[in-house]
Amino acid sequence: MPRYRPHVAARPSWRCRACGAAWPCSPARLALLGEYREDRIGLLIYLATLLSEAAGDLAGHDGLTDRFLTWARAR
């Protein structure tokens, strides 16, 4: 049986350690939405903190706000 590998960011590239996609990848987003199901503001604060860290590592990359925050806003 395959072992589950969590979809977490590899720094400083901010690519997923499990699938190699730009983090947060789709599985990571689903996991974060489930983990923060009752605390959307907490999720946004957590993601904003990671966005700040990623901005330092990925200086010059466009679309970081969409990548880290826009998908998680309340619907």
PDB file of N, CA and C in Angstrom:
ATOM      1  N   MET A   1       0.846  -1.178   0.000  1.00  0.00           N
ATOM      2  CA  MET A   1       0.000   0.000   0.000  1.00  0.00           C
ATOM      3  C   MET A   1       0.895   1.246   0.000  1.00  0.00           C
ATOM      4  N   PRO A   2       0.612   2.220  -0.884  1.00  0.00           N
ATOM      5  CA  PRO A   2       1.436   3.427  -0.923  1.00  0.00           C
ATOM      6  C   PRO A   2       1.297   4.233   0.363  1.00  0.00           C
ATOM      7  N   ARG A   3       2.387   4.810   0.769  1.00  0.00           N
ATOM      8  CA  ARG A   3       2.395   5.637   1.969  1.00  0.00           C
ATOM      9  C   ARG A   3       1.967   7.052   1.617  1.00  0.00           C
ATOM     10  N   TYR A   4       1.128   7.657   2.446  1.00  0.00           N
ATOM     11  CA  TYR A   4       0.675   9.026   2.211  1.00  0.00           C
ATOM     12  C   TYR A   4       1.821   9.991   2.449  1.00  0.00           C
ATOM     13  N   ARG A   5       2.012  10.893   1.509  1.00  0.00           N
ATOM     14  CA  ARG A   5       3.005  11.960   1.658  1.00  0.00           C
ATOM     15  C   ARG A   5       2.268  13.272   1.738  1.00  0.00           C
ATOM     16  N   PRO A   6       2.439  14.019   2.813  1.00  0.00           N
ATOM     17  CA  PRO A   6       1.733  15.293   2.933  1.00  0.00           C
ATOM     18  C   PRO A   6       2.186  16.284   1.871  1.00  0.00           C
ATOM     19  N   HIS A   7       1.268  17.083   1.427  1.00  0.00           N
ATOM     20  CA  HIS A   7       1.546  18.096   0.410  1.00  0.00           C
ATOM     21  C   HIS A   7       1.955  19.389   1.111  1.00  0.00           C
ATOM     22  N   VAL A   8       3.237  19.483   1.420  1.00  0.00           N
ATOM     23  CA  VAL A   8       3.803  20.644   2.113  1.00  0.00           C
ATOM     24  C   VAL A   8       4.817  21.324   1.208  1.00  0.00           C
ATOM     25  N   ALA A   9       5.086  22.568   1.503  1.00  0.00           N
ATOM     26  CA  ALA A   9       5.990  23.365   0.673  1.00  0.00           C
ATOM     27  C   ALA A   9       7.449  23.025   0.941  1.00  0.00           C
ATOM     28  N   ALA A  10       8.217  22.947  -0.142  1.00  0.00           N
ATOM     29  CA  ALA A  10       9.671  22.842  -0.056  1.00  0.00           C
ATOM     30  C   ALA A  10      10.210  24.253  -0.262  1.00  0.00           C
ATOM     31  N   ARG A  11      10.926  24.721   0.706  1.00  0.00           N
ATOM     32  CA  ARG A  11      11.458  26.074   0.605  1.00  0.00           C
ATOM     33  C   ARG A  11      12.910  26.020   0.167  1.00  0.00           C
ATOM     34  N   PRO A  12      13.379  26.942  -0.589  1.00  0.00           N
ATOM     35  CA  PRO A  12      12.819  28.239  -0.951  1.00  0.00           C
ATOM     36  C   PRO A  12      12.039  28.245  -2.258  1.00  0.00           C
ATOM     37  N   SER A  13      11.843  27.089  -2.887  1.00  0.00           N
ATOM     38  CA  SER A  13      11.162  27.074  -4.182  1.00  0.00           C
ATOM     39  C   SER A  13       9.641  27.196  -4.060  1.00  0.00           C
ATOM     40  N   TRP A  14       9.101  26.859  -2.903  1.00  0.00           N
ATOM     41  CA  TRP A  14       7.655  26.857  -2.667  1.00  0.00           C
ATOM     42  C   TRP A  14       6.948  25.939  -3.657  1.00  0.00           C
ATOM     43  N   ARG A  15       7.559  24.788  -3.928  1.00  0.00           N
ATOM     44  CA  ARG A  15       6.942  23.722  -4.709  1.00  0.00           C
ATOM     45  C   ARG A  15       6.542  22.629  -3.719  1.00  0.00           C
ATOM     46  N   CYS A  16       5.526  21.875  -4.057  1.00  0.00           N
ATOM     47  CA  CYS A  16       5.036  20.816  -3.182  1.00  0.00           C
ATOM     48  C   CYS A  16       6.054  19.680  -3.123  1.00  0.00           C
ATOM     49  N   ARG A  17       6.346  19.216  -1.923  1.00  0.00           N
ATOM     50  CA  ARG A  17       7.289  18.102  -1.749  1.00  0.00           C
ATOM     51  C   ARG A  17       6.721  16.793  -2.280  1.00  0.00           C
ATOM     52  N   ALA A  18       5.401  16.657  -2.297  1.00  0.00           N
ATOM     53  CA  ALA A  18       4.777  15.399  -2.733  1.00  0.00           C
ATOM     54  C   ALA A  18       4.568  15.336  -4.233  1.00  0.00           C
ATOM     55  N   CYS A  19       4.066  16.408  -4.837  1.00  0.00           N
ATOM     56  CA  CYS A  19       3.694  16.344  -6.259  1.00  0.00           C
ATOM     57  C   CYS A  19       4.489  17.295  -7.152  1.00  0.00           C
ATOM     58  N   GLY A  20       5.231  18.219  -6.568  1.00  0.00           N
ATOM     59  CA  GLY A  20       6.068  19.124  -7.350  1.00  0.00           C
ATOM     60  C   GLY A  20       5.360  20.340  -7.920  1.00  0.00           C
ATOM     61  N   ALA A  21       4.055  20.458  -7.695  1.00  0.00           N
ATOM     62  CA  ALA A  21       3.300  21.613  -8.195  1.00  0.00           C
ATOM     63  C   ALA A  21       3.583  22.841  -7.331  1.00  0.00           C
ATOM     64  N   ALA A  22       3.259  24.008  -7.876  1.00  0.00           N
ATOM     65  CA  ALA A  22       3.388  25.238  -7.091  1.00  0.00           C
ATOM     66  C   ALA A  22       2.518  25.107  -5.842  1.00  0.00           C
ATOM     67  N   TRP A  23       3.105  25.405  -4.680  1.00  0.00           N
ATOM     68  CA  TRP A  23       2.381  25.254  -3.425  1.00  0.00           C
ATOM     69  C   TRP A  23       1.666  26.557  -3.085  1.00  0.00           C
ATOM     70  N   PRO A  24       0.440  26.535  -2.589  1.00  0.00           N
ATOM     71  CA  PRO A  24      -0.332  25.356  -2.230  1.00  0.00           C
ATOM     72  C   PRO A  24      -0.975  24.688  -3.437  1.00  0.00           C
ATOM     73  N   CYS A  25      -0.653  23.422  -3.634  1.00  0.00           N
ATOM     74  CA  CYS A  25      -1.224  22.629  -4.719  1.00  0.00           C
ATOM     75  C   CYS A  25      -2.667  22.267  -4.359  1.00  0.00           C
ATOM     76  N   SER A  26      -3.374  21.672  -5.284  1.00  0.00           N
ATOM     77  CA  SER A  26      -4.784  21.325  -5.032  1.00  0.00           C
ATOM     78  C   SER A  26      -4.973  20.443  -3.800  1.00  0.00           C
ATOM     79  N   PRO A  27      -4.175  19.367  -3.628  1.00  0.00           N
ATOM     80  CA  PRO A  27      -4.355  18.559  -2.418  1.00  0.00           C
ATOM     81  C   PRO A  27      -4.063  19.349  -1.138  1.00  0.00           C
ATOM     82  N   ALA A  28      -3.078  20.240  -1.175  1.00  0.00           N
ATOM     83  CA  ALA A  28      -2.775  21.054  -0.001  1.00  0.00           C
ATOM     84  C   ALA A  28      -3.928  22.004   0.298  1.00  0.00           C
ATOM     85  N   ARG A  29      -4.520  22.593  -0.728  1.00  0.00           N
ATOM     86  CA  ARG A  29      -5.659  23.488  -0.535  1.00  0.00           C
ATOM     87  C   ARG A  29      -6.823  22.748   0.103  1.00  0.00           C
ATOM     88  N   LEU A  30      -7.113  21.558  -0.407  1.00  0.00           N
ATOM     89  CA  LEU A  30      -8.200  20.768   0.176  1.00  0.00           C
ATOM     90  C   LEU A  30      -7.920  20.431   1.631  1.00  0.00           C
ATOM     91  N   ALA A  31      -6.695  20.045   1.929  1.00  0.00           N
ATOM     92  CA  ALA A  31      -6.329  19.722   3.305  1.00  0.00           C
ATOM     93  C   ALA A  31      -6.450  20.947   4.207  1.00  0.00           C
ATOM     94  N   LEU A  32      -5.996  22.103   3.730  1.00  0.00           N
ATOM     95  CA  LEU A  32      -6.090  23.332   4.521  1.00  0.00           C
ATOM     96  C   LEU A  32      -7.539  23.745   4.739  1.00  0.00           C
ATOM     97  N   LEU A  33      -8.369  23.625   3.715  1.00  0.00           N
ATOM     98  CA  LEU A  33      -9.788  23.949   3.874  1.00  0.00           C
ATOM     99  C   LEU A  33     -10.445  23.033   4.892  1.00  0.00           C
ATOM    100  N   GLY A  34     -10.074  21.775   4.888  1.00  0.00           N
ATOM    101  CA  GLY A  34     -10.613  20.849   5.883  1.00  0.00           C
ATOM    102  C   GLY A  34     -10.114  21.154   7.280  1.00  0.00           C
ATOM    103  N   GLU A  35      -8.831  21.439   7.400  1.00  0.00           N
ATOM    104  CA  GLU A  35      -8.236  21.732   8.705  1.00  0.00           C
ATOM    105  C   GLU A  35      -8.809  23.003   9.320  1.00  0.00           C
ATOM    106  N   TYR A  36      -9.059  23.998   8.486  1.00  0.00           N
ATOM    107  CA  TYR A  36      -9.558  25.292   8.959  1.00  0.00           C
ATOM    108  C   TYR A  36     -11.048  25.466   8.641  1.00  0.00           C
ATOM    109  N   ARG A  37     -11.778  24.368   8.537  1.00  0.00           N
ATOM    110  CA  ARG A  37     -13.193  24.393   8.157  1.00  0.00           C
ATOM    111  C   ARG A  37     -14.004  25.392   8.978  1.00  0.00           C
ATOM    112  N   GLU A  38     -13.745  25.468  10.245  1.00  0.00           N
ATOM    113  CA  GLU A  38     -14.507  26.341  11.149  1.00  0.00           C
ATOM    114  C   GLU A  38     -13.797  27.660  11.435  1.00  0.00           C
ATOM    115  N   ASP A  39     -12.696  27.925  10.759  1.00  0.00           N
ATOM    116  CA  ASP A  39     -11.914  29.134  11.063  1.00  0.00           C
ATOM    117  C   ASP A  39     -11.295  29.702   9.787  1.00  0.00           C
ATOM    118  N   ARG A  40     -12.131  30.223   8.903  1.00  0.00           N
ATOM    119  CA  ARG A  40     -11.640  30.759   7.627  1.00  0.00           C
ATOM    120  C   ARG A  40     -10.699  31.937   7.854  1.00  0.00           C
ATOM    121  N   ILE A  41     -10.976  32.761   8.848  1.00  0.00           N
ATOM    122  CA  ILE A  41     -10.085  33.899   9.127  1.00  0.00           C
ATOM    123  C   ILE A  41      -8.720  33.392   9.580  1.00  0.00           C
ATOM    124  N   GLY A  42      -8.702  32.361  10.400  1.00  0.00           N
ATOM    125  CA  GLY A  42      -7.433  31.761  10.812  1.00  0.00           C
ATOM    126  C   GLY A  42      -6.649  31.239   9.623  1.00  0.00           C
ATOM    127  N   LEU A  43      -7.357  30.624   8.668  1.00  0.00           N
ATOM    128  CA  LEU A  43      -6.704  30.134   7.451  1.00  0.00           C
ATOM    129  C   LEU A  43      -6.096  31.290   6.670  1.00  0.00           C
ATOM    130  N   LEU A  44      -6.841  32.365   6.519  1.00  0.00           N
ATOM    131  CA  LEU A  44      -6.323  33.519   5.770  1.00  0.00           C
ATOM    132  C   LEU A  44      -5.126  34.154   6.465  1.00  0.00           C
ATOM    133  N   ILE A  45      -5.144  34.204   7.783  1.00  0.00           N
ATOM    134  CA  ILE A  45      -3.991  34.739   8.527  1.00  0.00           C
ATOM    135  C   ILE A  45      -2.774  33.835   8.327  1.00  0.00           C
ATOM    136  N   TYR A  46      -2.988  32.528   8.420  1.00  0.00           N
ATOM    137  CA  TYR A  46      -1.901  31.569   8.205  1.00  0.00           C
ATOM    138  C   TYR A  46      -1.319  31.717   6.794  1.00  0.00           C
ATOM    139  N   LEU A  47      -2.200  31.787   5.802  1.00  0.00           N
ATOM    140  CA  LEU A  47      -1.743  31.909   4.416  1.00  0.00           C
ATOM    141  C   LEU A  47      -1.060  33.251   4.160  1.00  0.00           C
ATOM    142  N   ALA A  48      -1.540  34.320   4.784  1.00  0.00           N
ATOM    143  CA  ALA A  48      -0.899  35.627   4.622  1.00  0.00           C
ATOM    144  C   ALA A  48       0.513  35.605   5.206  1.00  0.00           C
ATOM    145  N   THR A  49       0.691  34.903   6.305  1.00  0.00           N
ATOM    146  CA  THR A  49       2.024  34.764   6.899  1.00  0.00           C
ATOM    147  C   THR A  49       2.946  34.014   5.940  1.00  0.00           C
ATOM    148  N   LEU A  50       2.446  32.920   5.358  1.00  0.00           N
ATOM    149  CA  LEU A  50       3.255  32.168   4.398  1.00  0.00           C
ATOM    150  C   LEU A  50       3.521  32.983   3.139  1.00  0.00           C
ATOM    151  N   LEU A  51       2.539  33.767   2.707  1.00  0.00           N
ATOM    152  CA  LEU A  51       2.728  34.647   1.551  1.00  0.00           C
ATOM    153  C   LEU A  51       3.873  35.612   1.802  1.00  0.00           C
ATOM    154  N   SER A  52       3.921  36.172   2.992  1.00  0.00           N
ATOM    155  CA  SER A  52       4.992  37.105   3.344  1.00  0.00           C
ATOM    156  C   SER A  52       6.361  36.415   3.269  1.00  0.00           C
ATOM    157  N   GLU A  53       6.430  35.195   3.780  1.00  0.00           N
ATOM    158  CA  GLU A  53       7.691  34.453   3.726  1.00  0.00           C
ATOM    159  C   GLU A  53       8.053  34.094   2.280  1.00  0.00           C
ATOM    160  N   ALA A  54       7.056  33.668   1.504  1.00  0.00           N
ATOM    161  CA  ALA A  54       7.303  33.282   0.112  1.00  0.00           C
ATOM    162  C   ALA A  54       7.731  34.483  -0.717  1.00  0.00           C
ATOM    163  N   ALA A  55       7.188  35.658  -0.424  1.00  0.00           N
ATOM    164  CA  ALA A  55       7.551  36.854  -1.185  1.00  0.00           C
ATOM    165  C   ALA A  55       9.048  37.132  -1.070  1.00  0.00           C
ATOM    166  N   GLY A  56       9.623  36.849   0.073  1.00  0.00           N
ATOM    167  CA  GLY A  56      11.061  37.014   0.240  1.00  0.00           C
ATOM    168  C   GLY A  56      11.852  36.004  -0.574  1.00  0.00           C
ATOM    169  N   ASP A  57      11.356  34.766  -0.607  1.00  0.00           N
ATOM    170  CA  ASP A  57      12.040  33.704  -1.346  1.00  0.00           C
ATOM    171  C   ASP A  57      11.815  33.798  -2.852  1.00  0.00           C
ATOM    172  N   LEU A  58      10.648  34.305  -3.248  1.00  0.00           N
ATOM    173  CA  LEU A  58      10.260  34.312  -4.666  1.00  0.00           C
ATOM    174  C   LEU A  58      10.156  35.733  -5.208  1.00  0.00           C
ATOM    175  N   ALA A  59      11.066  36.593  -4.789  1.00  0.00           N
ATOM    176  CA  ALA A  59      11.036  37.988  -5.229  1.00  0.00           C
ATOM    177  C   ALA A  59      10.953  38.049  -6.750  1.00  0.00           C
ATOM    178  N   GLY A  60      10.056  38.894  -7.236  1.00  0.00           N
ATOM    179  CA  GLY A  60       9.901  39.077  -8.660  1.00  0.00           C
ATOM    180  C   GLY A  60       8.850  38.180  -9.298  1.00  0.00           C
ATOM    181  N   HIS A  61       8.287  37.263  -8.547  1.00  0.00           N
ATOM    182  CA  HIS A  61       7.229  36.397  -9.084  1.00  0.00           C
ATOM    183  C   HIS A  61       5.887  37.106  -8.970  1.00  0.00           C
ATOM    184  N   ASP A  62       5.149  37.129 -10.039  1.00  0.00           N
ATOM    185  CA  ASP A  62       3.814  37.719 -10.030  1.00  0.00           C
ATOM    186  C   ASP A  62       2.792  36.672  -9.617  1.00  0.00           C
ATOM    187  N   GLY A  63       1.669  37.140  -9.128  1.00  0.00           N
ATOM    188  CA  GLY A  63       0.556  36.249  -8.822  1.00  0.00           C
ATOM    189  C   GLY A  63       0.627  35.533  -7.493  1.00  0.00           C
ATOM    190  N   LEU A  64       1.513  35.956  -6.602  1.00  0.00           N
ATOM    191  CA  LEU A  64       1.620  35.268  -5.315  1.00  0.00           C
ATOM    192  C   LEU A  64       0.354  35.438  -4.474  1.00  0.00           C
ATOM    193  N   THR A  65      -0.281  36.607  -4.556  1.00  0.00           N
ATOM    194  CA  THR A  65      -1.499  36.813  -3.776  1.00  0.00           C
ATOM    195  C   THR A  65      -2.578  35.841  -4.225  1.00  0.00           C
ATOM    196  N   ASP A  66      -2.752  35.685  -5.525  1.00  0.00           N
ATOM    197  CA  ASP A  66      -3.731  34.715  -6.021  1.00  0.00           C
ATOM    198  C   ASP A  66      -3.354  33.299  -5.592  1.00  0.00           C
ATOM    199  N   ARG A  67      -2.101  32.996  -5.698  1.00  0.00           N
ATOM    200  CA  ARG A  67      -1.618  31.653  -5.370  1.00  0.00           C
ATOM    201  C   ARG A  67      -1.830  31.317  -3.899  1.00  0.00           C
ATOM    202  N   PHE A  68      -1.618  32.291  -3.017  1.00  0.00           N
ATOM    203  CA  PHE A  68      -1.677  32.016  -1.586  1.00  0.00           C
ATOM    204  C   PHE A  68      -3.010  32.387  -0.931  1.00  0.00           C
ATOM    205  N   LEU A  69      -3.688  33.414  -1.395  1.00  0.00           N
ATOM    206  CA  LEU A  69      -4.837  33.910  -0.645  1.00  0.00           C
ATOM    207  C   LEU A  69      -6.183  33.867  -1.363  1.00  0.00           C
ATOM    208  N   THR A  70      -6.228  34.276  -2.598  1.00  0.00           N
ATOM    209  CA  THR A  70      -7.506  34.475  -3.268  1.00  0.00           C
ATOM    210  C   THR A  70      -8.380  33.237  -3.247  1.00  0.00           C
ATOM    211  N   TRP A  71      -7.814  32.069  -3.429  1.00  0.00           N
ATOM    212  CA  TRP A  71      -8.586  30.828  -3.459  1.00  0.00           C
ATOM    213  C   TRP A  71      -9.255  30.522  -2.133  1.00  0.00           C
ATOM    214  N   ALA A  72      -8.734  31.061  -1.042  1.00  0.00           N
ATOM    215  CA  ALA A  72      -9.229  30.700   0.294  1.00  0.00           C
ATOM    216  C   ALA A  72     -10.244  31.672   0.876  1.00  0.00           C
ATOM    217  N   ARG A  73     -10.549  32.745   0.160  1.00  0.00           N
ATOM    218  CA  ARG A  73     -11.482  33.712   0.720  1.00  0.00           C
ATOM    219  C   ARG A  73     -12.879  33.086   0.848  1.00  0.00           C
ATOM    220  N   ALA A  74     -13.664  33.670   1.697  1.00  0.00           N
ATOM    221  CA  ALA A  74     -15.023  33.165   1.956  1.00  0.00           C
ATOM    222  C   ALA A  74     -15.853  33.196   0.691  1.00  0.00           C
ATOM    223  N   ARG A  75     -16.675  32.203   0.510  1.00  0.00           N
ATOM    224  CA  ARG A  75     -17.529  32.115  -0.676  1.00  0.00           C
ATOM    225  C   ARG A  75     -18.961  32.305  -0.313  1.00  0.00           C
TER     226      ARG A  75
END
